[in-house]
PDB file of N, CA and C in Angstrom:
ATOM      1  N   MET A   1       2.893  -5.341  -9.862  1.00  0.00           N
ATOM      2  CA  MET A   1       2.591  -4.468  -8.765  1.00  0.00           C
ATOM      3  C   MET A   1       1.085  -4.474  -8.521  1.00  0.00           C
ATOM      4  N   ALA A   2       0.308  -4.394  -9.585  1.00  0.00           N
ATOM      5  CA  ALA A   2      -1.150  -4.392  -9.443  1.00  0.00           C
ATOM      6  C   ALA A   2      -1.641  -5.707  -8.851  1.00  0.00           C
ATOM      7  N   ALA A   3      -1.032  -6.825  -9.242  1.00  0.00           N
ATOM      8  CA  ALA A   3      -1.428  -8.129  -8.702  1.00  0.00           C
ATOM      9  C   ALA A   3      -1.122  -8.211  -7.209  1.00  0.00           C
ATOM     10  N   LEU A   4       0.017  -7.692  -6.792  1.00  0.00           N
ATOM     11  CA  LEU A   4       0.369  -7.663  -5.370  1.00  0.00           C
ATOM     12  C   LEU A   4      -0.658  -6.849  -4.594  1.00  0.00           C
ATOM     13  N   ALA A   5      -0.998  -5.681  -5.094  1.00  0.00           N
ATOM     14  CA  ALA A   5      -1.981  -4.834  -4.423  1.00  0.00           C
ATOM     15  C   ALA A   5      -3.335  -5.533  -4.344  1.00  0.00           C
ATOM     16  N   ALA A   6      -3.742  -6.197  -5.410  1.00  0.00           N
ATOM     17  CA  ALA A   6      -5.027  -6.906  -5.416  1.00  0.00           C
ATOM     18  C   ALA A   6      -5.028  -8.050  -4.412  1.00  0.00           C
ATOM     19  N   ASP A   7      -3.940  -8.808  -4.350  1.00  0.00           N
ATOM     20  CA  ASP A   7      -3.839  -9.907  -3.382  1.00  0.00           C
ATOM     21  C   ASP A   7      -3.890  -9.385  -1.954  1.00  0.00           C
ATOM     22  N   GLU A   8      -3.158  -8.334  -1.670  1.00  0.00           N
ATOM     23  CA  GLU A   8      -3.150  -7.759  -0.327  1.00  0.00           C
ATOM     24  C   GLU A   8      -4.516  -7.181   0.035  1.00  0.00           C
ATOM     25  N   GLN A   9      -5.201  -6.617  -0.934  1.00  0.00           N
ATOM     26  CA  GLN A   9      -6.534  -6.049  -0.691  1.00  0.00           C
ATOM     27  C   GLN A   9      -7.507  -7.140  -0.262  1.00  0.00           C
ATOM     28  N   GLN A  10      -7.375  -8.340  -0.833  1.00  0.00           N
ATOM     29  CA  GLN A  10      -8.242  -9.452  -0.445  1.00  0.00           C
ATOM     30  C   GLN A  10      -7.945  -9.902   0.974  1.00  0.00           C
ATOM     31  N   CYS A  11      -6.685  -9.906   1.338  1.00  0.00           N
ATOM     32  CA  CYS A  11      -6.264 -10.314   2.680  1.00  0.00           C
ATOM     33  C   CYS A  11      -6.613  -9.259   3.719  1.00  0.00           C
ATOM     34  N   CYS A  12      -6.344  -8.018   3.404  1.00  0.00           N
ATOM     35  CA  CYS A  12      -6.471  -6.903   4.355  1.00  0.00           C
ATOM     36  C   CYS A  12      -7.283  -5.787   3.704  1.00  0.00           C
ATOM     37  N   PRO A  13      -8.608  -5.904   3.703  1.00  0.00           N
ATOM     38  CA  PRO A  13      -9.435  -4.939   2.976  1.00  0.00           C
ATOM     39  C   PRO A  13      -9.393  -3.515   3.529  1.00  0.00           C
ATOM     40  N   PHE A  14      -8.803  -3.338   4.714  1.00  0.00           N
ATOM     41  CA  PHE A  14      -8.707  -1.986   5.277  1.00  0.00           C
ATOM     42  C   PHE A  14      -7.576  -1.188   4.649  1.00  0.00           C
ATOM     43  N   PHE A  15      -6.678  -1.856   3.902  1.00  0.00           N
ATOM     44  CA  PHE A  15      -5.626  -1.146   3.184  1.00  0.00           C
ATOM     45  C   PHE A  15      -6.225  -0.455   1.962  1.00  0.00           C
ATOM     46  N   ASP A  16      -5.667   0.678   1.613  1.00  0.00           N
ATOM     47  CA  ASP A  16      -6.046   1.412   0.408  1.00  0.00           C
ATOM     48  C   ASP A  16      -4.793   1.503  -0.454  1.00  0.00           C
ATOM     49  N   PHE A  17      -4.786   0.812  -1.591  1.00  0.00           N
ATOM     50  CA  PHE A  17      -3.638   0.792  -2.491  1.00  0.00           C
ATOM     51  C   PHE A  17      -3.913   1.684  -3.689  1.00  0.00           C
ATOM     52  N   ARG A  18      -2.912   2.480  -4.061  1.00  0.00           N
ATOM     53  CA  ARG A  18      -3.017   3.338  -5.243  1.00  0.00           C
ATOM     54  C   ARG A  18      -1.708   3.266  -6.019  1.00  0.00           C
ATOM     55  N   LEU A  19      -1.826   3.069  -7.314  1.00  0.00           N
ATOM     56  CA  LEU A  19      -0.673   3.085  -8.211  1.00  0.00           C
ATOM     57  C   LEU A  19      -0.709   4.381  -9.005  1.00  0.00           C
ATOM     58  N   HIS A  20       0.432   5.042  -9.081  1.00  0.00           N
ATOM     59  CA  HIS A  20       0.549   6.297  -9.824  1.00  0.00           C
ATOM     60  C   HIS A  20       1.680   6.146 -10.840  1.00  0.00           C
ATOM     61  N   LEU A  21       1.393   6.410 -12.082  1.00  0.00           N
ATOM     62  CA  LEU A  21       2.405   6.397 -13.127  1.00  0.00           C
ATOM     63  C   LEU A  21       2.758   7.837 -13.445  1.00  0.00           C
ATOM     64  N   ASP A  22       4.044   8.167 -13.268  1.00  0.00           N
ATOM     65  CA  ASP A  22       4.539   9.524 -13.499  1.00  0.00           C
ATOM     66  C   ASP A  22       5.707   9.415 -14.472  1.00  0.00           C
ATOM     67  N   GLY A  23       5.410   9.560 -15.749  1.00  0.00           N
ATOM     68  CA  GLY A  23       6.458   9.367 -16.751  1.00  0.00           C
ATOM     69  C   GLY A  23       6.898   7.911 -16.740  1.00  0.00           C
ATOM     70  N   GLN A  24       8.167   7.687 -16.458  1.00  0.00           N
ATOM     71  CA  GLN A  24       8.720   6.338 -16.395  1.00  0.00           C
ATOM     72  C   GLN A  24       8.696   5.757 -14.982  1.00  0.00           C
ATOM     73  N   GLU A  25       8.202   6.504 -14.011  1.00  0.00           N
ATOM     74  CA  GLU A  25       8.209   6.055 -12.615  1.00  0.00           C
ATOM     75  C   GLU A  25       6.825   5.581 -12.187  1.00  0.00           C
ATOM     76  N   LEU A  26       6.806   4.441 -11.505  1.00  0.00           N
ATOM     77  CA  LEU A  26       5.577   3.892 -10.948  1.00  0.00           C
ATOM     78  C   LEU A  26       5.661   4.013  -9.433  1.00  0.00           C
ATOM     79  N   HIS A  27       4.658   4.616  -8.832  1.00  0.00           N
ATOM     80  CA  HIS A  27       4.633   4.823  -7.386  1.00  0.00           C
ATOM     81  C   HIS A  27       3.494   4.008  -6.792  1.00  0.00           C
ATOM     82  N   LEU A  28       3.776   3.347  -5.685  1.00  0.00           N
ATOM     83  CA  LEU A  28       2.758   2.621  -4.936  1.00  0.00           C
ATOM     84  C   LEU A  28       2.504   3.374  -3.645  1.00  0.00           C
ATOM     85  N   GLU A  29       1.266   3.751  -3.429  1.00  0.00           N
ATOM     86  CA  GLU A  29       0.859   4.424  -2.193  1.00  0.00           C
ATOM     87  C   GLU A  29      -0.050   3.464  -1.440  1.00  0.00           C
ATOM     88  N   VAL A  30       0.249   3.245  -0.170  1.00  0.00           N
ATOM     89  CA  VAL A  30      -0.555   2.353   0.657  1.00  0.00           C
ATOM     90  C   VAL A  30      -1.004   3.128   1.883  1.00  0.00           C
ATOM     91  N   ARG A  31      -2.304   3.109   2.134  1.00  0.00           N
ATOM     92  CA  ARG A  31      -2.863   3.793   3.298  1.00  0.00           C
ATOM     93  C   ARG A  31      -3.647   2.795   4.131  1.00  0.00           C
ATOM     94  N   ALA A  32      -3.761   3.121   5.416  1.00  0.00           N
ATOM     95  CA  ALA A  32      -4.548   2.303   6.338  1.00  0.00           C
ATOM     96  C   ALA A  32      -5.141   3.221   7.394  1.00  0.00           C
ATOM     97  N   PRO A  33      -6.190   2.770   8.079  1.00  0.00           N
ATOM     98  CA  PRO A  33      -6.715   3.560   9.189  1.00  0.00           C
ATOM     99  C   PRO A  33      -5.641   3.745  10.259  1.00  0.00           C
ATOM    100  N   ALA A  34      -5.839   4.692  11.139  1.00  0.00           N
ATOM    101  CA  ALA A  34      -4.840   5.016  12.169  1.00  0.00           C
ATOM    102  C   ALA A  34      -4.408   3.789  12.961  1.00  0.00           C
ATOM    103  N   ASP A  35      -5.333   2.890  13.268  1.00  0.00           N
ATOM    104  CA  ASP A  35      -4.963   1.711  14.054  1.00  0.00           C
ATOM    105  C   ASP A  35      -4.204   0.664  13.234  1.00  0.00           C
ATOM    106  N   GLY A  36      -4.057   0.864  11.931  1.00  0.00           N
ATOM    107  CA  GLY A  36      -3.288  -0.042  11.086  1.00  0.00           C
ATOM    108  C   GLY A  36      -1.916   0.485  10.722  1.00  0.00           C
ATOM    109  N   THR A  37      -1.550   1.639  11.256  1.00  0.00           N
ATOM    110  CA  THR A  37      -0.271   2.261  10.908  1.00  0.00           C
ATOM    111  C   THR A  37       0.913   1.378  11.283  1.00  0.00           C
ATOM    112  N   GLY A  38       0.850   0.744  12.448  1.00  0.00           N
ATOM    113  CA  GLY A  38       1.941  -0.136  12.874  1.00  0.00           C
ATOM    114  C   GLY A  38       2.144  -1.294  11.918  1.00  0.00           C
ATOM    115  N   LEU A  39       1.062  -1.857  11.425  1.00  0.00           N
ATOM    116  CA  LEU A  39       1.154  -2.955  10.464  1.00  0.00           C
ATOM    117  C   LEU A  39       1.790  -2.485   9.161  1.00  0.00           C
ATOM    118  N   LEU A  40       1.424  -1.297   8.709  1.00  0.00           N
ATOM    119  CA  LEU A  40       2.054  -0.742   7.503  1.00  0.00           C
ATOM    120  C   LEU A  40       3.553  -0.580   7.691  1.00  0.00           C
ATOM    121  N   THR A  41       3.949  -0.073   8.846  1.00  0.00           N
ATOM    122  CA  THR A  41       5.372   0.112   9.129  1.00  0.00           C
ATOM    123  C   THR A  41       6.090  -1.232   9.159  1.00  0.00           C
ATOM    124  N   ASP A  42       5.471  -2.246   9.760  1.00  0.00           N
ATOM    125  CA  ASP A  42       6.071  -3.584   9.803  1.00  0.00           C
ATOM    126  C   ASP A  42       6.254  -4.156   8.400  1.00  0.00           C
ATOM    127  N   LEU A  43       5.280  -3.943   7.534  1.00  0.00           N
ATOM    128  CA  LEU A  43       5.329  -4.508   6.183  1.00  0.00           C
ATOM    129  C   LEU A  43       6.238  -3.745   5.232  1.00  0.00           C
ATOM    130  N   PHE A  44       6.193  -2.406   5.299  1.00  0.00           N
ATOM    131  CA  PHE A  44       6.852  -1.592   4.277  1.00  0.00           C
ATOM    132  C   PHE A  44       7.944  -0.671   4.805  1.00  0.00           C
ATOM    133  N   GLY A  45       8.117  -0.592   6.119  1.00  0.00           N
ATOM    134  CA  GLY A  45       9.091   0.326   6.698  1.00  0.00           C
ATOM    135  C   GLY A  45       8.433   1.663   6.999  1.00  0.00           C
ATOM    136  N   PRO A  46       9.200   2.590   7.561  1.00  0.00           N
ATOM    137  CA  PRO A  46       8.634   3.895   7.928  1.00  0.00           C
ATOM    138  C   PRO A  46       8.143   4.676   6.708  1.00  0.00           C
ATOM    139  N   ALA A  47       7.167   5.521   6.933  1.00  0.00           N
ATOM    140  CA  ALA A  47       6.604   6.334   5.849  1.00  0.00           C
ATOM    141  C   ALA A  47       7.652   7.267   5.273  1.00  0.00           C
ATOM    142  N   ALA A  48       7.554   7.480   3.976  1.00  0.00           N
ATOM    143  CA  ALA A  48       8.501   8.375   3.295  1.00  0.00           C
ATOM    144  C   ALA A  48       8.032   9.801   3.393  1.00  0.00           C
TER     145      ALA A  48
END
């Protein structure tokens, strides 16, 4: 997961990737500026 985030960060530096470990669960949070919201939706689906 960290390698994916690092690779994407090199490609699209406007993305903000955060990994959160909560017990046995790993959460990936991805943020982008307002004008990048459509790209996030295309890549990952609608926001949860």
